[in-house]
C-alpha atoms as a PDB file:
ATOM      1  CA  MET A   1     209.179 133.657  13.354  1.00  0.00           C
ATOM      2  CA  ARG A   2     207.276 131.029  15.625  1.00  0.00           C
ATOM      3  CA  ASP A   3     205.137 133.392  17.942  1.00  0.00           C
ATOM      4  CA  PRO A   4     203.089 135.007  14.686  1.00  0.00           C
ATOM      5  CA  GLU A   5     203.560 130.971  13.706  1.00  0.00           C
ATOM      6  CA  ARG A   6     201.098 129.627  16.433  1.00  0.00           C
ATOM      7  CA  ARG A   7     199.464 132.797  16.714  1.00  0.00           C
ATOM      8  CA  TRP A   8     198.424 132.321  12.388  1.00  0.00           C
ATOM      9  CA  ARG A   9     197.473 128.513  13.353  1.00  0.00           C
ATOM     10  CA  GLY A  10     195.562 129.213  16.591  1.00  0.00           C
ATOM     11  CA  ARG A  11     193.500 131.819  14.135  1.00  0.00           C
ATOM     12  CA  MET A  12     193.172 128.782  11.702  1.00  0.00           C
ATOM     13  CA  ALA A  13     192.088 126.462  14.534  1.00  0.00           C
ATOM     14  CA  ILE A  14     189.538 129.047  15.692  1.00  0.00           C
ATOM     15  CA  ILE A  15     188.161 129.270  11.743  1.00  0.00           C
ATOM     16  CA  PHE A  16     187.652 126.190  11.508  1.00  0.00           C
ATOM     17  CA  ALA A  17     186.223 125.261  14.773  1.00  0.00           C
ATOM     18  CA  LEU A  18     183.497 127.887  14.230  1.00  0.00           C
ATOM     19  CA  TRP A  19     183.142 126.686  10.353  1.00  0.00           C
ATOM     20  CA  SER A  20     182.666 123.143  11.305  1.00  0.00           C
ATOM     21  CA  VAL A  21     179.712 124.127  14.020  1.00  0.00           C
ATOM     22  CA  PRO A  22     177.366 124.737  11.108  1.00  0.00           C
ATOM     23  CA  LEU A  23     177.943 121.514   9.422  1.00  0.00           C
ATOM     24  CA  ARG A  24     177.481 119.804  12.242  1.00  0.00           C
ATOM     25  CA  MET A  25     173.644 121.597  13.134  1.00  0.00           C
ATOM     26  CA  GLU A  26     173.213 121.038   9.360  1.00  0.00           C
ATOM     27  CA  GLY A  27     174.196 117.157   9.180  1.00  0.00           C
ATOM     28  CA  ALA A  28     171.717 117.112  11.951  1.00  0.00           C
ATOM     29  CA  ARG A  29     168.603 118.561  10.606  1.00  0.00           C
ATOM     30  CA  PRO A  30     167.763 115.700   8.157  1.00  0.00           C
ATOM     31  CA  ALA A  31     167.489 112.962  11.115  1.00  0.00           C
ATOM     32  CA  ALA A  32     165.058 115.235  12.917  1.00  0.00           C
ATOM     33  CA  ALA A  33     163.407 116.126  10.031  1.00  0.00           C
ATOM     34  CA  ALA A  34     163.365 112.398   9.237  1.00  0.00           C
ATOM     35  CA  GLU A  35     161.803 111.332  13.159  1.00  0.00           C
ATOM     36  CA  SER A  36     159.092 114.457  12.457  1.00  0.00           C
ATOM     37  CA  GLY A  37     158.642 112.435   8.673  1.00  0.00           C
ATOM     38  CA  ALA A  38     158.200 109.393  10.688  1.00  0.00           C
ATOM     39  CA  ALA A  39     155.941 111.144  12.909  1.00  0.00           C
ATOM     40  CA  THR A  40     153.618 112.438  10.610  1.00  0.00           C
ATOM     41  CA  GLU A  41     153.970 109.105   8.084  1.00  0.00           C
ATOM     42  CA  LEU A  42     152.547 106.979  11.387  1.00  0.00           C
ATOM     43  CA  SER A  43     149.678 108.822  11.831  1.00  0.00           C
ATOM     44  CA  ASP A  44     146.968 106.697  10.489  1.00  0.00           C
ATOM     45  CA  THR A  45     145.356 104.125  13.210  1.00  0.00           C
ATOM     46  CA  VAL A  46     143.249 101.134  12.761  1.00  0.00           C
ATOM     47  CA  GLU A  47     141.740  99.612  16.388  1.00  0.00           C
ATOM     48  CA  LEU A  48     140.991  96.201  16.631  1.00  0.00           C
ATOM     49  CA  VAL A  49     138.006  94.508  18.001  1.00  0.00           C
ATOM     50  CA  GLY A  50     139.601  92.383  20.566  1.00  0.00           C
ATOM     51  CA  GLY A  51     141.596  95.463  21.680  1.00  0.00           C
ATOM     52  CA  GLY A  52     144.760  97.280  20.994  1.00  0.00           C
ATOM     53  CA  PHE A  53     145.632  99.411  17.731  1.00  0.00           C
ATOM     54  CA  ILE A  54     147.904  99.547  14.865  1.00  0.00           C
ATOM     55  CA  ARG A  55     149.405 102.828  13.357  1.00  0.00           C
ATOM     56  CA  GLY A  56     150.959 102.915  10.860  1.00  0.00           C
ATOM     57  CA  VAL A  57     150.499 104.109   7.023  1.00  0.00           C
ATOM     58  CA  VAL A  58     146.267 103.223   5.742  1.00  0.00           C
ATOM     59  CA  THR A  59     147.348 102.405   2.007  1.00  0.00           C
ATOM     60  CA  GLU A  60     144.074 100.155   0.754  1.00  0.00           C
ATOM     61  CA  TYR A  61     140.242 100.613   2.689  1.00  0.00           C
ATOM     62  CA  VAL A  62     137.702  98.633   1.484  1.00  0.00           C
ATOM     63  CA  PRO A  63     134.798  99.399   3.636  1.00  0.00           C
ATOM     64  CA  LYS A  64     133.367  96.349   5.203  1.00  0.00           C
ATOM     65  CA  SER A  65     135.779  93.970   2.717  1.00  0.00           C
ATOM     66  CA  HIS A  66     139.395  94.863   4.596  1.00  0.00           C
ATOM     67  CA  VAL A  67     142.652  97.428   5.564  1.00  0.00           C
ATOM     68  CA  VAL A  68     146.029  97.479   4.489  1.00  0.00           C
ATOM     69  CA  ILE A  69     148.080  99.334   6.720  1.00  0.00           C
ATOM     70  CA  ARG A  70     151.806  99.819   6.724  1.00  0.00           C
ATOM     71  CA  ASP A  71     153.275  99.628   9.939  1.00  0.00           C
ATOM     72  CA  ALA A  72     156.241 101.061  11.700  1.00  0.00           C
ATOM     73  CA  GLN A  73     158.724  98.329  10.771  1.00  0.00           C
ATOM     74  CA  GLY A  74     157.720  98.769   6.679  1.00  0.00           C
ATOM     75  CA  THR A  75     155.618  95.576   6.973  1.00  0.00           C
ATOM     76  CA  LEU A  76     152.674  95.788   4.846  1.00  0.00           C
ATOM     77  CA  ARG A  77     149.178  94.153   7.015  1.00  0.00           C
ATOM     78  CA  ARG A  78     146.194  93.312   5.691  1.00  0.00           C
ATOM     79  CA  LEU A  79     143.018  93.418   8.507  1.00  0.00           C
ATOM     80  CA  PRO A  80     140.166  91.649   7.705  1.00  0.00           C
ATOM     81  CA  ALA A  81     136.276  93.982   8.282  1.00  0.00           C
ATOM     82  CA  LYS A  82     135.783  91.462  11.361  1.00  0.00           C
ATOM     83  CA  GLU A  83     138.702  92.369  12.765  1.00  0.00           C
ATOM     84  CA  ILE A  84     138.500  96.409  12.516  1.00  0.00           C
ATOM     85  CA  ALA A  85     136.571  98.216  14.924  1.00  0.00           C
ATOM     86  CA  ALA A  86     137.656 101.777  13.683  1.00  0.00           C
ATOM     87  CA  VAL A  87     139.750 103.390  11.059  1.00  0.00           C
ATOM     88  CA  ARG A  88     141.092 106.914  11.684  1.00  0.00           C
ATOM     89  CA  ARG A  89     142.846 108.521   9.253  1.00  0.00           C
ATOM     90  CA  SER A  90     145.080 111.634   9.484  1.00  0.00           C
ATOM     91  CA  ASP A  91     143.717 113.238   6.853  1.00  0.00           C
ATOM     92  CA  GLY A  92     139.818 112.604   7.416  1.00  0.00           C
ATOM     93  CA  PRO A  93     137.602 111.975   9.707  1.00  0.00           C
ATOM     94  CA  SER A  94     137.112 107.978  11.423  1.00  0.00           C
ATOM     95  CA  ALA A  95     135.814 105.229   9.995  1.00  0.00           C
ATOM     96  CA  THR A  96     133.769 102.602  11.706  1.00  0.00           C
ATOM     97  CA  ALA A  97     134.367  99.487  10.413  1.00  0.00           C
ATOM     98  CA  ALA A  98     133.763  96.081  13.289  1.00  0.00           C
ATOM     99  CA  SER A  99     130.998  94.276  11.588  1.00  0.00           C
ATOM    100  CA  PRO A 100     129.590  93.969   8.324  1.00  0.00           C
ATOM    101  CA  ALA A 101     126.389  96.206   9.536  1.00  0.00           C
ATOM    102  CA  ALA A 102     128.181  99.130  10.243  1.00  0.00           C
ATOM    103  CA  THR A 103     127.708 102.208   8.578  1.00  0.00           C
ATOM    104  CA  ASN A 104     130.219 103.723   6.342  1.00  0.00           C
ATOM    105  CA  VAL A 105     131.278 107.508   7.018  1.00  0.00           C
ATOM    106  CA  ASN A 106     133.867 107.600   4.159  1.00  0.00           C
ATOM    107  CA  ALA A 107     133.077 109.825   0.991  1.00  0.00           C
ATOM    108  CA  GLU A 108     129.975 108.672  -0.855  1.00  0.00           C
ATOM    109  CA  THR A 109     130.297 106.098  -3.156  1.00  0.00           C
ATOM    110  CA  SER A 110     128.292 106.346  -6.952  1.00  0.00           C
ATOM    111  CA  LEU A 111     125.685 104.565  -5.143  1.00  0.00           C
ATOM    112  CA  ASP A 112     125.114 106.973  -2.395  1.00  0.00           C
ATOM    113  CA  ARG A 113     125.145 109.538  -5.461  1.00  0.00           C
ATOM    114  CA  VAL A 114     122.348 107.695  -6.906  1.00  0.00           C
ATOM    115  CA  LEU A 115     120.184 107.011  -3.841  1.00  0.00           C
ATOM    116  CA  MET A 116     120.301 110.616  -3.433  1.00  0.00           C
ATOM    117  CA  GLY A 117     118.427 111.361  -6.197  1.00  0.00           C
ATOM    118  CA  ILE A 118     115.811 109.745  -5.595  1.00  0.00           C
ATOM    119  CA  ALA A 119     113.185 112.528  -4.241  1.00  0.00           C
ATOM    120  CA  GLY A 120     110.818 110.863  -1.247  1.00  0.00           C
ATOM    121  CA  GLN A 121     109.995 109.108   1.967  1.00  0.00           C
ATOM    122  CA  ARG A 122     112.928 106.734   2.908  1.00  0.00           C
ATOM    123  CA  ILE A 123     112.856 103.640   4.348  1.00  0.00           C
ATOM    124  CA  LYS A 124     115.340 101.160   6.983  1.00  0.00           C
ATOM    125  CA  LEU A 125     115.559  97.958   5.135  1.00  0.00           C
ATOM    126  CA  LYS A 126     116.868  95.275   7.662  1.00  0.00           C
ATOM    127  CA  VAL A 127     118.411  92.437   6.002  1.00  0.00           C
ATOM    128  CA  SER A 128     119.377  88.953   7.512  1.00  0.00           C
ATOM    129  CA  ALA A 129     120.384  85.784   5.847  1.00  0.00           C
ATOM    130  CA  ASN A 130     120.624  81.751   6.215  1.00  0.00           C
ATOM    131  CA  LYS A 131     124.598  82.227   5.221  1.00  0.00           C
ATOM    132  CA  GLU A 132     126.877  84.886   4.774  1.00  0.00           C
ATOM    133  CA  ALA A 133     125.767  87.376   1.744  1.00  0.00           C
ATOM    134  CA  ALA A 134     124.783  90.323   0.636  1.00  0.00           C
ATOM    135  CA  LEU A 135     121.849  92.802  -1.184  1.00  0.00           C
ATOM    136  CA  GLU A 136     122.313  93.707  -4.314  1.00  0.00           C
ATOM    137  CA  ARG A 137     120.384  96.897  -6.547  1.00  0.00           C
ATOM    138  CA  ARG A 138     120.072  95.757 -10.020  1.00  0.00           C
ATOM    139  CA  ILE A 139     121.443  98.181 -12.869  1.00  0.00           C
ATOM    140  CA  SER A 140     119.432  98.605 -15.665  1.00  0.00           C
ATOM    141  CA  VAL A 141     119.442 100.463 -18.923  1.00  0.00           C
ATOM    142  CA  ASP A 142     115.349 100.950 -18.788  1.00  0.00           C
ATOM    143  CA  ALA A 143     115.455 101.173 -14.531  1.00  0.00           C
ATOM    144  CA  ARG A 144     113.981  97.849 -14.034  1.00  0.00           C
ATOM    145  CA  ALA A 145     115.187  94.496 -14.849  1.00  0.00           C
ATOM    146  CA  PRO A 146     114.191  92.390 -17.823  1.00  0.00           C
ATOM    147  CA  ALA A 147     112.285  89.141 -16.353  1.00  0.00           C
ATOM    148  CA  GLY A 148     114.737  86.087 -17.071  1.00  0.00           C
ATOM    149  CA  SER A 149     117.802  87.084 -17.052  1.00  0.00           C
ATOM    150  CA  ASP A 150     121.087  85.281 -15.560  1.00  0.00           C
ATOM    151  CA  THR A 151     123.458  88.129 -16.113  1.00  0.00           C
ATOM    152  CA  VAL A 152     123.460  91.174 -14.697  1.00  0.00           C
ATOM    153  CA  ALA A 153     125.007  94.403 -13.476  1.00  0.00           C
ATOM    154  CA  TYR A 154     124.406  95.455  -9.562  1.00  0.00           C
ATOM    155  CA  TYR A 155     125.146  97.627  -6.930  1.00  0.00           C
ATOM    156  CA  LEU A 156     126.580  95.850  -3.825  1.00  0.00           C
ATOM    157  CA  VAL A 157     124.670  97.924  -1.371  1.00  0.00           C
ATOM    158  CA  CYS A 158     125.335  96.007   1.848  1.00  0.00           C
ATOM    159  CA  GLU A 159     126.445  92.608   3.672  1.00  0.00           C
ATOM    160  CA  THR A 160     124.170  90.826   6.108  1.00  0.00           C
ATOM    161  CA  PRO A 161     123.421  91.267   8.519  1.00  0.00           C
ATOM    162  CA  CYS A 162     122.705  95.200   7.797  1.00  0.00           C
ATOM    163  CA  VAL A 163     119.987  98.132   7.687  1.00  0.00           C
ATOM    164  CA  ALA A 164     120.086 100.209   4.612  1.00  0.00           C
ATOM    165  CA  VAL A 165     118.192 103.379   4.300  1.00  0.00           C
ATOM    166  CA  LEU A 166     116.749 102.878   1.057  1.00  0.00           C
ATOM    167  CA  PRO A 167     114.476 105.621  -1.015  1.00  0.00           C
ATOM    168  CA  ALA A 168     110.604 104.040  -0.987  1.00  0.00           C
ATOM    169  CA  SER A 169     110.683 104.923  -4.358  1.00  0.00           C
ATOM    170  CA  ASP A 170     113.038 103.657  -6.161  1.00  0.00           C
ATOM    171  CA  PRO A 171     112.084 102.095  -9.815  1.00  0.00           C
ATOM    172  CA  GLU A 172     114.527  99.384  -9.324  1.00  0.00           C
ATOM    173  CA  LEU A 173     114.805  95.758  -8.033  1.00  0.00           C
ATOM    174  CA  TYR A 174     117.330  93.746  -5.349  1.00  0.00           C
ATOM    175  CA  ARG A 175     118.213  90.891  -4.474  1.00  0.00           C
ATOM    176  CA  VAL A 176     119.934  88.986  -1.498  1.00  0.00           C
ATOM    177  CA  HIS A 177     122.645  86.954  -2.910  1.00  0.00           C
ATOM    178  CA  ASN A 178     125.629  84.882  -2.760  1.00  0.00           C
ATOM    179  CA  GLN A 179     127.767  83.502  -4.544  1.00  0.00           C
ATOM    180  CA  SER A 180     127.605  79.787  -3.624  1.00  0.00           C
ATOM    181  CA  ALA A 181     124.077  79.529  -3.626  1.00  0.00           C
ATOM    182  CA  GLN A 182     120.800  80.525  -5.624  1.00  0.00           C
ATOM    183  CA  PRO A 183     119.822  84.372  -5.366  1.00  0.00           C
ATOM    184  CA  SER A 184     116.679  85.042  -4.298  1.00  0.00           C
ATOM    185  CA  ASP A 185     113.942  86.316  -6.469  1.00  0.00           C
ATOM    186  CA  TRP A 186     114.529  90.309  -7.305  1.00  0.00           C
ATOM    187  CA  PHE A 187     111.784  92.605  -6.049  1.00  0.00           C
ATOM    188  CA  SER A 188     110.360  96.024  -5.491  1.00  0.00           C
ATOM    189  CA  LEU A 189     110.907  97.721  -1.860  1.00  0.00           C
ATOM    190  CA  PRO A 190     108.636  97.870   0.305  1.00  0.00           C
ATOM    191  CA  ARG A 191     106.736 101.301   1.677  1.00  0.00           C
ATOM    192  CA  ARG A 192     107.558 100.998   4.811  1.00  0.00           C
ATOM    193  CA  ASP A 193     110.224 100.254   7.095  1.00  0.00           C
ATOM    194  CA  THR A 194     110.874  96.255   6.574  1.00  0.00           C
ATOM    195  CA  ALA A 195     112.570  93.207   7.778  1.00  0.00           C
ATOM    196  CA  VAL A 196     113.755  90.628   5.333  1.00  0.00           C
ATOM    197  CA  HIS A 197     115.174  87.761   5.825  1.00  0.00           C
ATOM    198  CA  ALA A 198     116.578  85.404   2.808  1.00  0.00           C
ATOM    199  CA  ASP A 199     116.323  81.318   3.165  1.00  0.00           C
ATOM    200  CA  LEU A 200     119.119  80.807   0.895  1.00  0.00           C
ATOM    201  CA  VAL A 201     119.785  77.118  -0.608  1.00  0.00           C
ATOM    202  CA  HIS A 202     122.785  75.850  -2.243  1.00  0.00           C
ATOM    203  CA  GLN A 203     123.571  76.671  -6.343  1.00  0.00           C
ATOM    204  CA  ALA A 204     123.899  72.810  -7.018  1.00  0.00           C
ATOM    205  CA  TRP A 205     119.684  72.894  -6.813  1.00  0.00           C
ATOM    206  CA  THR A 206     120.285  74.858  -9.901  1.00  0.00           C
ATOM    207  CA  PHE A 207     122.854  72.683 -11.478  1.00  0.00           C
ATOM    208  CA  MET A 208     121.680  68.939 -10.330  1.00  0.00           C
ATOM    209  CA  PRO A 209     118.323  68.983 -12.717  1.00  0.00           C
ATOM    210  CA  ARG A 210     120.279  69.901 -16.037  1.00  0.00           C
ATOM    211  CA  GLY A 211     123.214  67.780 -15.193  1.00  0.00           C
ATOM    212  CA  LEU A 212     121.495  64.345 -14.450  1.00  0.00           C
ATOM    213  CA  LEU A 213     119.007  65.229 -18.084  1.00  0.00           C
ATOM    214  CA  TYR A 214     122.384  65.755 -19.898  1.00  0.00           C
ATOM    215  CA  THR A 215     123.379  62.353 -18.441  1.00  0.00           C
ATOM    216  CA  GLY A 216     120.058  60.867 -19.085  1.00  0.00           C
ATOM    217  CA  LEU A 217     120.229  61.973 -22.824  1.00  0.00           C
ATOM    218  CA  VAL A 218     124.246  60.426 -23.039  1.00  0.00           C
ATOM    219  CA  PHE A 219     123.003  56.817 -21.803  1.00  0.00           C
ATOM    220  CA  ALA A 220     119.704  57.259 -24.162  1.00  0.00           C
ATOM    221  CA  GLY A 221     122.928  57.886 -26.868  1.00  0.00           C
ATOM    222  CA  ALA A 222     125.222  54.863 -26.085  1.00  0.00           C
ATOM    223  CA  SER A 223     122.083  52.918 -25.825  1.00  0.00           C
ATOM    224  CA  GLY A 224     121.009  52.738 -29.061  1.00  0.00           C
ATOM    225  CA  VAL A 225     124.636  52.642 -30.241  1.00  0.00           C
ATOM    226  CA  PHE A 226     125.127  48.987 -28.689  1.00  0.00           C
ATOM    227  CA  TYR A 227     121.591  48.128 -30.346  1.00  0.00           C
ATOM    228  CA  GLY A 228     122.923  49.186 -33.432  1.00  0.00           C
ATOM    229  CA  LEU A 229     126.695  47.645 -33.559  1.00  0.00           C
ATOM    230  CA  GLY A 230     124.492  43.960 -31.826  1.00  0.00           C
ATOM    231  CA  GLU A 231     121.530  44.183 -34.586  1.00  0.00           C
ATOM    232  CA  ALA A 232     124.386  44.776 -37.607  1.00  0.00           C
ATOM    233  CA  ASP A 233     126.468  41.640 -36.003  1.00  0.00           C
ATOM    234  CA  VAL A 234     129.657  44.148 -35.275  1.00  0.00           C
ATOM    235  CA  THR A 235     129.878  43.015 -31.951  1.00  0.00           C
ATOM    236  CA  SER A 236     128.224  39.769 -30.037  1.00  0.00           C
ATOM    237  CA  GLY A 237     125.913  39.242 -27.682  1.00  0.00           C
ATOM    238  CA  TRP A 238     127.289  41.478 -24.663  1.00  0.00           C
ATOM    239  CA  SER A 239     125.974  44.990 -26.811  1.00  0.00           C
ATOM    240  CA  TYR A 240     122.153  43.684 -26.788  1.00  0.00           C
ATOM    241  CA  SER A 241     123.034  43.889 -22.755  1.00  0.00           C
ATOM    242  CA  VAL A 242     125.374  46.566 -22.419  1.00  0.00           C
ATOM    243  CA  GLY A 243     122.232  49.047 -24.757  1.00  0.00           C
ATOM    244  CA  ALA A 244     119.996  47.620 -22.548  1.00  0.00           C
ATOM    245  CA  GLY A 245     121.580  48.621 -18.785  1.00  0.00           C
ATOM    246  CA  SER A 246     122.388  51.985 -20.906  1.00  0.00           C
ATOM    247  CA  ALA A 247     118.608  52.389 -21.618  1.00  0.00           C
ATOM    248  CA  ILE A 248     117.903  51.719 -17.539  1.00  0.00           C
ATOM    249  CA  LEU A 249     120.457  53.956 -17.096  1.00  0.00           C
ATOM    250  CA  ALA A 250     119.198  56.938 -18.989  1.00  0.00           C
ATOM    251  CA  GLY A 251     115.451  56.316 -18.181  1.00  0.00           C
ATOM    252  CA  THR A 252     116.648  56.817 -14.495  1.00  0.00           C
ATOM    253  CA  ALA A 253     118.081  59.906 -14.798  1.00  0.00           C
ATOM    254  CA  LEU A 254     115.408  61.067 -17.116  1.00  0.00           C
ATOM    255  CA  VAL A 255     113.025  60.365 -13.996  1.00  0.00           C
ATOM    256  CA  ALA A 256     115.532  61.333 -11.871  1.00  0.00           C
ATOM    257  CA  SER A 257     116.093  65.140 -12.995  1.00  0.00           C
ATOM    258  CA  ALA A 258     111.807  65.841 -14.100  1.00  0.00           C
ATOM    259  CA  VAL A 259     111.709  64.905 -10.145  1.00  0.00           C
ATOM    260  CA  VAL A 260     114.488  67.459  -8.715  1.00  0.00           C
ATOM    261  CA  TRP A 261     113.223  69.984 -11.426  1.00  0.00           C
ATOM    262  CA  ILE A 262     110.168  69.788  -9.912  1.00  0.00           C
ATOM    263  CA  ALA A 263     110.431  68.952  -5.900  1.00  0.00           C
ATOM    264  CA  ARG A 264     113.964  71.586  -5.525  1.00  0.00           C
ATOM    265  CA  PRO A 265     114.143  73.738  -2.709  1.00  0.00           C
ATOM    266  CA  LYS A 266     114.528  77.784  -3.869  1.00  0.00           C
ATOM    267  CA  SER A 267     115.678  80.082  -2.193  1.00  0.00           C
ATOM    268  CA  LYS A 268     113.022  82.741  -0.894  1.00  0.00           C
ATOM    269  CA  LEU A 269     112.226  86.016   0.925  1.00  0.00           C
ATOM    270  CA  THR A 270     110.282  86.405   4.385  1.00  0.00           C
ATOM    271  CA  PHE A 271     109.331  90.289   4.398  1.00  0.00           C
ATOM    272  CA  VAL A 272     108.511  91.449   8.183  1.00  0.00           C
ATOM    273  CA  PRO A 273     106.846  95.184   8.592  1.00  0.00           C
ATOM    274  CA  SER A 274     108.397  96.960  11.304  1.00  0.00           C
ATOM    275  CA  GLY A 275     106.999 100.257  11.213  1.00  0.00           C
END
């Protein structure tokens, strides 16, 4: 009985060993797949201006603004465009993003489609400014910008300094704008290659005359109130003094408002044909 029992135990041991091999192999496959998946997942590359690169998954890419990439540790890193030399995606062509003037070779935007729909000659517009700014193309219902409107819709063409290739026959108007500065006047595209430089002044010059005007009106009202109180004998003689002081301040503010309004600097553009 012992020999058959030993043979039975030996056979069971062999069967168990053979049965456990596929299980170990199956258990190894997910790890290998995970390694392969990790290698595939970290296939996007962001090259840095100062040298080196970051490999991971690009989750957000805004041309000329920033890139968000998830690195090998799973950390989301937001990199501004000025630190990026190029972005290489596993599912598409690489996109250069080293400087604000760099050309975006990613998928076309709605502005690209609009401009491609305008036939005729193309011109190169080289745009620069005395501070960080952007070239904007106005969006008008009737294809022309109504004069004197402060609230507008526009496309962001490029951030200065930049070179934009645009249709010379574009009926829309353009301007150079900075959020903290007074925008330039709207202008039509020139018919030849041109360099445009914008000298933008601070937005405070737009609000200062209005602020002085409102200040003068407030002091004028206060002067009338104190003079009225004095005439009505509601207060003692000090009301006349306060009223007189308010009248002087009102006159000064109103005169200053007019002077600043006339002499205030304005943003201006300089056009130099380059071809």
